[in-house]
Protein backbone atom coordinates (compact mmCIF):
# COMPACT_ATOMS: atom_id res chain seq x y z
CA MET A 1 -162.77 232.69 -0.39
CA GLN A 2 -159.14 232.11 0.74
CA LEU A 3 -156.94 235.00 1.61
CA ARG A 4 -153.18 234.66 0.94
CA THR A 5 -150.79 236.24 3.32
CA PRO A 6 -147.89 237.72 1.46
CA LYS A 7 -144.44 236.12 2.34
CA ARG A 8 -141.81 238.18 3.96
CA TYR A 9 -138.24 237.62 2.91
CA THR A 10 -135.22 238.29 5.10
CA LYS A 11 -133.00 240.87 3.75
CA GLY A 12 -129.85 239.07 2.45
CA HIS A 13 -126.18 240.00 2.35
CA LYS A 14 -124.31 240.62 -0.81
CA ARG A 15 -122.18 237.60 -1.87
CA SER A 16 -118.42 238.22 -1.59
CA ILE A 17 -116.37 237.94 -4.75
CA ILE A 18 -113.57 236.05 -2.83
CA SER A 19 -114.67 232.80 -1.04
CA LEU A 20 -112.84 232.20 2.26
CA ARG A 21 -113.25 228.44 1.84
CA ARG A 22 -111.46 228.52 -1.47
CA LEU A 23 -108.84 230.85 -0.09
CA TRP A 24 -107.98 228.38 2.72
CA LEU A 25 -107.91 225.56 0.20
CA TRP A 26 -105.36 227.42 -1.92
CA ILE A 27 -103.27 228.20 1.17
CA LEU A 28 -103.34 224.73 2.81
CA THR A 29 -102.96 222.57 -0.29
CA PRO A 30 -99.36 223.67 -1.09
CA LEU A 31 -98.44 223.33 2.59
CA LEU A 32 -99.80 219.79 2.76
CA VAL A 33 -98.09 218.85 -0.50
CA TYR A 34 -94.82 220.31 0.73
CA GLY A 35 -95.13 218.57 4.11
CA GLY A 36 -95.91 215.23 2.48
CA LEU A 37 -92.94 215.64 0.15
CA GLN A 38 -90.66 216.33 3.14
CA VAL A 39 -91.95 213.26 4.95
CA TYR A 40 -91.39 211.11 1.89
CA GLN A 41 -87.89 212.43 1.31
CA ASN A 42 -86.98 211.89 4.99
CA ARG A 43 -88.85 208.63 5.45
CA ASP A 44 -85.71 206.77 6.67
CA THR A 45 -85.33 209.26 9.50
CA LEU A 46 -88.98 209.80 10.35
CA GLY A 47 -90.15 206.21 9.78
CA PRO A 48 -88.78 204.43 12.90
CA PRO A 49 -90.21 206.92 15.44
CA VAL A 50 -93.58 206.76 13.77
CA GLN A 51 -93.45 202.96 13.66
CA ASP A 52 -92.45 202.82 17.33
CA PHE A 53 -95.29 205.15 18.23
CA VAL A 54 -97.79 203.00 16.37
CA ALA A 55 -96.29 199.81 17.81
CA ASP A 56 -96.61 201.18 21.35
CA ILE A 57 -100.26 201.99 20.76
CA VAL A 58 -100.89 198.49 19.40
CA ALA A 59 -98.97 196.86 22.28
CA ASP A 60 -100.94 198.84 24.85
CA ALA A 61 -104.14 197.78 23.19
CA GLN A 62 -103.10 194.11 23.15
CA SER A 63 -102.01 194.29 26.78
CA GLY A 64 -105.32 195.78 27.76
CA ILE A 65 -107.20 193.06 25.91
CA ALA A 66 -105.02 190.31 27.44
CA THR A 67 -105.58 191.70 30.92
CA ALA A 68 -109.30 191.92 30.35
CA ILE A 69 -109.62 188.30 29.22
CA ALA A 70 -106.90 186.74 31.46
CA PRO A 71 -108.08 183.94 33.78
CA THR A 72 -108.17 184.53 37.50
CA PRO A 73 -104.68 183.69 38.89
CA LEU A 74 -104.39 180.54 41.01
CA PRO A 75 -103.63 181.03 44.69
CA THR A 76 -99.99 180.51 45.75
CA GLN A 77 -99.49 176.87 46.66
CA ASP A 78 -98.86 176.22 50.35
CA PRO A 79 -95.89 173.79 50.62
CA ALA A 80 -96.70 172.82 54.22
CA GLU A 81 -98.57 169.63 53.30
CA ARG A 82 -95.86 168.45 50.91
CA ILE A 83 -93.15 169.25 53.45
CA ALA A 84 -95.03 167.11 55.98
CA ILE A 85 -95.09 164.21 53.49
CA ALA A 86 -91.34 164.56 52.88
CA ASN A 87 -90.66 164.74 56.62
CA ASP A 88 -92.62 161.53 57.15
CA ALA A 89 -90.55 159.70 54.53
CA TRP A 90 -87.40 161.06 56.16
CA GLN A 91 -88.36 159.83 59.61
CA ARG A 92 -89.17 156.38 58.20
CA GLY A 93 -85.70 156.20 56.65
CA ALA A 94 -87.05 156.10 53.09
CA MET A 95 -84.34 158.43 51.84
CA GLN A 96 -84.96 158.00 48.11
CA GLU A 97 -88.60 158.94 48.59
CA ALA A 98 -87.70 161.83 50.89
CA VAL A 99 -85.08 163.22 48.51
CA ALA A 100 -87.56 163.23 45.64
CA ASP A 101 -90.15 164.96 47.82
CA TYR A 102 -87.76 167.60 49.13
CA ALA A 103 -86.38 168.27 45.65
CA SER A 104 -89.89 168.92 44.35
CA ILE A 105 -90.62 171.60 46.96
CA THR A 106 -87.35 173.53 47.11
CA ASN A 107 -88.74 176.12 44.69
CA LEU A 108 -91.86 176.50 46.83
CA ALA A 109 -89.75 176.95 49.96
CA PRO A 110 -86.63 178.70 48.65
CA ASN A 111 -85.54 179.93 52.09
CA ASP A 112 -86.35 176.83 54.13
CA VAL A 113 -82.92 175.64 55.29
CA LEU A 114 -84.20 172.36 56.78
CA VAL A 115 -85.78 171.34 53.46
CA HIS A 116 -82.57 172.13 51.58
CA TYR A 117 -80.37 170.54 54.27
CA ARG A 118 -82.23 167.23 54.18
CA TRP A 119 -82.33 167.29 50.39
CA THR A 120 -78.53 167.63 50.32
CA LEU A 121 -77.89 165.01 53.00
CA GLY A 122 -80.25 162.59 51.28
CA LEU A 123 -78.36 162.97 48.01
CA ILE A 124 -75.09 162.26 49.83
CA MET A 125 -76.52 159.12 51.42
CA ASN A 126 -77.88 157.95 48.07
CA GLY A 127 -74.42 158.29 46.52
CA GLN A 128 -75.40 161.21 44.24
CA LEU A 129 -72.37 163.22 45.24
CA ASP A 130 -72.21 165.62 42.28
CA ALA A 131 -75.87 166.50 42.73
CA ALA A 132 -75.26 166.90 46.46
CA LEU A 133 -72.65 169.59 45.79
CA ASP A 134 -75.15 171.60 43.75
CA ALA A 135 -77.80 171.12 46.43
CA ALA A 136 -75.35 172.24 49.12
CA GLU A 137 -74.72 175.50 47.29
CA ARG A 138 -78.47 176.07 47.06
CA THR A 139 -78.74 175.37 50.79
CA VAL A 140 -76.25 178.16 51.50
CA THR A 141 -78.15 180.43 49.11
CA ALA A 142 -81.37 179.68 51.02
CA ASP A 143 -79.81 181.28 54.11
CA PRO A 144 -76.17 182.42 53.94
CA PHE A 145 -76.22 183.03 57.70
CA SER A 146 -77.23 179.47 58.62
CA SER A 147 -74.46 177.51 60.32
CA ASP A 148 -76.10 174.21 59.33
CA ALA A 149 -76.12 175.28 55.68
CA TRP A 150 -72.35 175.76 55.67
CA ALA A 151 -71.92 172.55 57.67
CA ILE A 152 -73.74 170.37 55.13
CA ARG A 153 -71.75 172.09 52.39
CA ALA A 154 -68.60 170.96 54.22
CA MET A 155 -69.85 167.37 54.29
CA ALA A 156 -70.71 167.43 50.57
CA LEU A 157 -67.27 168.79 49.73
CA ASP A 158 -65.48 166.24 51.91
CA TRP A 159 -67.37 163.28 50.48
CA ASN A 160 -66.44 164.53 47.02
CA GLY A 161 -62.75 164.43 47.95
CA HIS A 162 -62.25 168.15 48.66
CA ALA A 163 -61.11 167.99 52.28
CA GLY A 164 -59.40 171.39 52.24
CA GLU A 165 -62.48 173.21 50.99
CA ALA A 166 -64.59 171.22 53.43
CA ILE A 167 -62.46 172.44 56.33
CA ALA A 168 -62.92 176.05 55.24
CA SER A 169 -66.69 175.62 54.92
CA ALA A 170 -67.01 173.95 58.33
CA GLN A 171 -64.90 176.67 59.94
CA HIS A 172 -67.20 179.31 58.48
CA ALA A 173 -70.16 177.39 59.92
CA LEU A 174 -68.49 177.63 63.33
CA GLU A 175 -67.93 181.35 62.88
CA LEU A 176 -71.70 181.66 62.54
CA ASP A 177 -72.37 179.33 65.49
CA PRO A 178 -69.34 178.24 67.57
CA GLN A 179 -71.52 175.75 69.48
CA ASN A 180 -72.77 173.81 66.45
CA PRO A 181 -71.88 170.12 67.13
CA ARG A 182 -72.85 169.12 63.60
CA ALA A 183 -70.35 171.57 62.11
CA LEU A 184 -67.67 170.31 64.52
CA ALA A 185 -68.36 166.70 63.53
CA PHE A 186 -68.08 167.45 59.83
CA LEU A 187 -64.93 169.49 60.46
CA ALA A 188 -63.44 166.52 62.32
CA GLU A 189 -64.20 164.18 59.41
CA ALA A 190 -62.54 166.61 57.00
CA TYR A 191 -59.48 166.78 59.28
CA LEU A 192 -59.34 162.97 59.27
CA ASP A 193 -59.52 162.83 55.48
CA ALA A 194 -56.81 165.51 55.30
CA GLY A 195 -54.47 163.26 57.30
CA GLN A 196 -54.85 165.02 60.67
CA PRO A 197 -56.34 162.31 62.94
CA ASP A 198 -55.24 163.88 66.24
CA ARG A 199 -56.85 167.18 65.37
CA ALA A 200 -59.91 165.30 64.17
CA LEU A 201 -60.24 163.47 67.50
CA GLN A 202 -59.88 166.69 69.49
CA THR A 203 -62.56 168.36 67.36
CA VAL A 204 -65.06 165.52 67.59
CA GLU A 205 -64.63 165.28 71.36
CA GLN A 206 -65.52 168.97 71.53
CA ALA A 207 -68.69 168.21 69.55
CA LEU A 208 -69.68 165.48 72.01
CA GLU A 209 -69.12 167.82 74.97
CA ILE A 210 -71.60 170.25 73.43
CA ASP A 211 -74.13 167.56 72.45
CA PRO A 212 -73.72 164.06 73.93
CA ASP A 213 -76.50 162.87 71.59
CA SER A 214 -74.88 163.94 68.32
CA PHE A 215 -75.05 160.90 66.06
CA GLU A 216 -72.80 162.72 63.58
CA ALA A 217 -70.07 163.05 66.21
CA TYR A 218 -70.28 159.41 67.34
CA ARG A 219 -70.10 158.25 63.75
CA VAL A 220 -66.99 160.36 63.03
CA ARG A 221 -65.30 159.21 66.24
CA GLY A 222 -65.95 155.67 65.09
CA LEU A 223 -64.17 156.45 61.82
CA ILE A 224 -61.19 157.83 63.73
CA ARG A 225 -61.00 154.79 65.99
CA GLN A 226 -61.28 152.41 63.05
CA THR A 227 -58.94 154.03 60.52
CA ALA A 228 -56.41 155.87 62.69
CA GLN A 229 -56.34 153.98 65.99
CA PHE A 230 -57.29 150.52 64.65
CA ASP A 231 -59.62 150.14 67.61
CA PHE A 232 -62.31 148.09 65.90
CA GLU A 233 -64.32 147.27 69.01
CA GLY A 234 -64.33 150.92 70.04
CA ALA A 235 -65.34 151.90 66.52
CA ARG A 236 -68.17 149.38 66.61
CA GLU A 237 -69.47 150.90 69.86
CA ASP A 238 -69.49 154.39 68.36
CA TYR A 239 -71.15 153.24 65.14
CA LEU A 240 -73.78 151.37 67.13
CA THR A 241 -74.48 154.45 69.27
CA ALA A 242 -74.82 156.62 66.15
CA TYR A 243 -77.17 154.05 64.61
CA GLU A 244 -79.33 153.88 67.74
CA LEU A 245 -79.54 157.68 67.94
CA ALA A 246 -80.57 157.99 64.29
CA PRO A 247 -81.85 154.62 63.01
CA HIS A 248 -83.49 156.34 60.02
CA ILE A 249 -80.16 157.71 58.71
CA SER A 250 -78.52 155.20 56.37
CA TYR A 251 -74.82 156.01 56.42
CA PRO A 252 -74.17 155.19 60.13
CA ALA A 253 -76.00 151.90 59.50
CA ILE A 254 -73.68 151.11 56.57
CA ASP A 255 -70.63 151.95 58.70
CA LEU A 256 -71.94 149.66 61.44
CA ALA A 257 -72.50 146.84 58.95
CA ARG A 258 -68.98 147.20 57.58
CA ILE A 259 -67.34 147.04 61.01
CA GLU A 260 -69.50 144.01 61.91
CA PHE A 261 -68.24 142.32 58.75
CA SER A 262 -64.64 143.16 59.65
CA LEU A 263 -65.21 141.55 63.07
CA GLN A 264 -66.61 138.44 61.31
CA ASN A 265 -70.17 139.16 62.49
CA ILE A 266 -71.40 138.46 58.98
CA ASP A 267 -75.04 137.70 59.77
CA ASP A 268 -75.35 140.91 61.82
CA ALA A 269 -73.76 142.87 58.99
CA ILE A 270 -76.19 141.44 56.44
CA ALA A 271 -79.19 142.03 58.73
CA THR A 272 -78.27 145.69 59.21
CA LEU A 273 -77.82 146.27 55.48
CA THR A 274 -81.04 144.42 54.69
CA ASN A 275 -82.98 147.02 56.69
CA VAL A 276 -81.33 149.83 54.73
CA ILE A 277 -81.97 148.22 51.34
CA GLU A 278 -85.61 147.42 52.11
CA LEU A 279 -86.27 151.12 52.64
CA ASN A 280 -83.82 152.30 49.96
CA PRO A 281 -83.68 149.69 47.20
CA GLU A 282 -81.46 151.88 45.01
CA ASN A 283 -78.88 152.92 47.60
CA ALA A 284 -75.71 152.13 45.64
CA GLU A 285 -73.37 152.00 48.63
CA ALA A 286 -75.60 149.60 50.56
CA LEU A 287 -75.99 147.40 47.47
CA PHE A 288 -72.23 147.38 46.90
CA TRP A 289 -71.41 146.27 50.43
CA MET A 290 -74.17 143.68 50.39
CA SER A 291 -72.57 142.17 47.27
CA VAL A 292 -69.23 142.07 49.11
CA PHE A 293 -70.80 140.43 52.18
CA GLN A 294 -72.58 137.82 50.07
CA TYR A 295 -69.52 137.00 47.94
CA SER A 296 -66.63 137.25 50.39
CA GLY A 297 -68.59 136.47 53.55
CA LYS A 298 -71.23 133.95 52.51
CA GLY A 299 -69.54 132.61 49.39
CA ASP A 300 -72.73 133.04 47.37
CA PRO A 301 -71.76 134.45 43.94
CA ASN A 302 -75.30 134.35 42.59
CA GLN A 303 -76.73 136.51 45.39
CA ALA A 304 -73.67 138.72 45.19
CA SER A 305 -74.08 139.13 41.43
CA ASP A 306 -77.69 140.20 41.91
CA PHE A 307 -76.76 142.93 44.40
CA ALA A 308 -73.79 144.08 42.33
CA SER A 309 -75.96 144.29 39.20
CA ARG A 310 -78.50 146.36 41.11
CA CYS A 311 -75.66 148.56 42.30
CA VAL A 312 -74.57 149.23 38.70
CA ALA A 313 -78.18 149.89 37.69
CA ALA A 314 -78.58 152.38 40.55
CA ASN A 315 -75.30 154.14 39.75
CA PRO A 316 -73.86 153.23 36.32
CA ASP A 317 -70.88 155.54 36.92
CA SER A 318 -69.76 153.81 40.11
CA ILE A 319 -66.23 152.45 39.74
CA ALA A 320 -66.68 150.23 42.80
CA CYS A 321 -69.95 148.67 41.56
CA ASN A 322 -68.63 147.93 38.06
CA TYR A 323 -65.35 146.55 39.40
CA TYR A 324 -66.91 144.24 41.95
CA LEU A 325 -69.49 142.98 39.49
CA GLY A 326 -66.58 142.01 37.23
CA ARG A 327 -64.89 140.22 40.12
CA ILE A 328 -68.02 138.19 40.79
CA GLN A 329 -68.52 137.42 37.09
CA ILE A 330 -65.02 135.96 36.93
CA GLY A 331 -65.98 133.71 39.84
CA LEU A 332 -69.06 132.64 37.86
CA GLU A 333 -66.83 132.03 34.80
CA GLN A 334 -68.71 134.72 32.86
CA TYR A 335 -65.48 136.01 31.40
CA ALA A 336 -66.86 138.14 28.57
CA LEU A 337 -69.24 139.91 30.95
CA ALA A 338 -66.44 140.30 33.47
CA ALA A 339 -64.17 141.86 30.86
CA ASP A 340 -66.88 144.40 30.00
CA SER A 341 -67.55 145.28 33.65
CA LEU A 342 -63.87 145.71 34.50
CA ASP A 343 -63.22 147.67 31.32
CA LYS A 344 -66.07 149.99 32.35
CA ALA A 345 -64.47 150.56 35.75
CA ILE A 346 -61.22 151.49 34.04
CA GLU A 347 -62.98 153.79 31.56
CA LEU A 348 -64.56 155.58 34.53
CA GLY A 349 -61.08 156.54 35.69
CA THR A 350 -60.01 154.10 38.39
CA THR A 351 -56.45 154.42 39.61
CA ASN A 352 -56.53 151.30 41.78
CA PRO A 353 -53.92 148.81 40.47
CA ILE A 354 -56.00 145.88 41.73
CA HIS A 355 -58.71 146.77 39.23
CA PHE A 356 -56.18 146.51 36.40
CA TRP A 357 -54.98 143.16 37.75
CA TRP A 358 -58.48 141.71 37.58
CA ALA A 359 -59.08 143.25 34.15
CA GLY A 360 -55.91 141.50 32.97
CA GLN A 361 -57.12 138.22 34.44
CA ALA A 362 -60.48 138.53 32.65
CA GLN A 363 -58.71 139.04 29.32
CA LEU A 364 -56.41 136.08 29.98
CA SER A 365 -59.48 133.96 30.63
CA LEU A 366 -60.70 134.91 27.15
CA GLY A 367 -57.32 134.05 25.62
CA ASN A 368 -56.63 137.69 24.78
CA CYS A 369 -53.05 138.08 25.95
CA PRO A 370 -52.27 141.42 24.23
CA ALA A 371 -55.20 143.13 26.00
CA ALA A 372 -54.24 141.46 29.27
CA VAL A 373 -50.65 142.67 29.01
CA ASN A 374 -51.87 146.22 28.39
CA TYR A 375 -53.95 146.22 31.59
CA LEU A 376 -51.25 144.48 33.61
CA ASN A 377 -48.49 146.86 32.55
CA THR A 378 -50.64 149.86 33.48
CA GLY A 379 -51.53 148.41 36.87
CA TYR A 380 -47.92 147.41 37.51
CA ARG A 381 -46.75 150.96 36.79
CA ILE A 382 -49.37 152.42 39.17
CA ALA A 383 -48.34 149.98 41.89
CA ARG A 384 -44.70 151.00 41.43
CA GLU A 385 -45.59 154.70 41.59
CA ASN A 386 -47.57 154.09 44.78
CA GLU A 387 -44.79 151.89 46.21
CA GLN A 388 -47.25 149.05 46.79
CA ALA A 389 -44.51 146.45 47.03
CA ASN A 390 -46.93 143.70 48.06
CA LEU A 391 -48.40 143.81 44.54
CA TYR A 392 -45.19 143.68 42.51
CA SER A 393 -44.91 139.91 42.43
CA ASP A 394 -48.61 139.49 41.59
CA PHE A 395 -48.27 141.56 38.42
CA GLU A 396 -44.90 140.03 37.55
CA ASP A 397 -46.23 136.48 37.87
CA LEU A 398 -49.27 137.21 35.74
CA LEU A 399 -47.20 138.96 33.06
CA ARG A 400 -44.71 136.12 33.04
CA GLU A 401 -47.43 133.52 32.71
CA CYS A 402 -49.10 135.39 29.89
CA GLN A 403 -45.89 135.77 27.96
CA ALA A 404 -44.96 132.13 28.51
CA PHE A 405 -48.29 130.41 27.91
CA GLY A 406 -50.30 133.01 25.95
CA GLY A 407 -53.76 132.71 27.41
CA VAL A 408 -53.74 130.16 30.21
CA ARG A 409 -56.06 131.49 32.90
CA PRO A 410 -54.16 132.08 36.17
CA THR A 411 -55.65 131.02 39.47
CA ALA A 412 -53.62 133.33 41.69
CA THR A 413 -55.24 136.12 43.67
CA PRO A 414 -53.47 139.44 44.26
CA ALA A 415 -52.17 140.15 47.74
CA ALA A 416 -54.46 143.17 48.13
CA GLU A 417 -57.66 141.33 47.24
CA ALA A 418 -59.32 142.69 50.35
CA ASP A 419 -58.97 146.22 48.95
CA VAL A 420 -62.40 146.28 47.29
């Protein structure tokens, strides 16, 4: 028999007539509706802040994700090995190779003055004078308190035809280091180019007193002796000393070759330039002078044409290279090619009347008298403005012959032919 235990029920509360849940619903619903209506009506004002808030949250989330999945950063590259490679090319005299190497590491060594200095000097030696100016400014930026930085800037300015600015830059270099022979040498060269040879000589002698082994100073003193004192043997001695002190630097070697050529030591001149070109096959200045030596010294127009063509290829904007290639092409009776080369030199902005004389001769060789007269008249006017009296008769004879015979090729050579 099963006994049932009676259930006990908890005593309950009386249910309230008014439900609090419903009461809150009736209170909150109008407020929410009113708030939503206000947001909608003011959406132009409230929208941008809300959008910015949401955008910031999304951006933070994306940044966090990107950081979480980003690859491990590579270690900072040490430029020491690449600098060593560039230095080796520099010491070997392979300036084109060295310039490329130094240029590639300037961003890795932004404050290394030596890297920037050699980069700038290499550009100057390679004939890239516009690029050298930019590099010189970056060299100063690398260390504004470096005397050498301001000195190489002076050289770049002077070689670009800004002697006055070069003087100011070199003087600032000497303010930073009054005993810097390099700055004194570059200042002396700027003085020489500014038409102050006596001051230039005094300055370069001061440089040699400070450093008797300054190749820069010997080279500049050679320039002074050659161009202001007309002491060609003395100039040759200074150029040779500069070359022996720095055989890997190309521009003293080119100066030495040029003075050897002037002294009729043609084989020595060619041998010196050959060494430069073997290491720097695209050095436009070396190629130009080799073409001159081969044509005017050896009388070999074919070899000369090869070097002049390489010169134009290395520096298409070189007035000298285009002009001399045209000269050689006339000698080879390649008159159409000569006309193009000489026209290019004129388009590049030459103001040398001799270039216009040869351009006129090329056009006469093609039977094109009107074009010849145009070149000849322009060159004749420039010669008159420059008071180059030795050229007057050359232009007059050629103009007279053209007008009289209308296309007969003249065989005369202008008096200033040596002015290449």
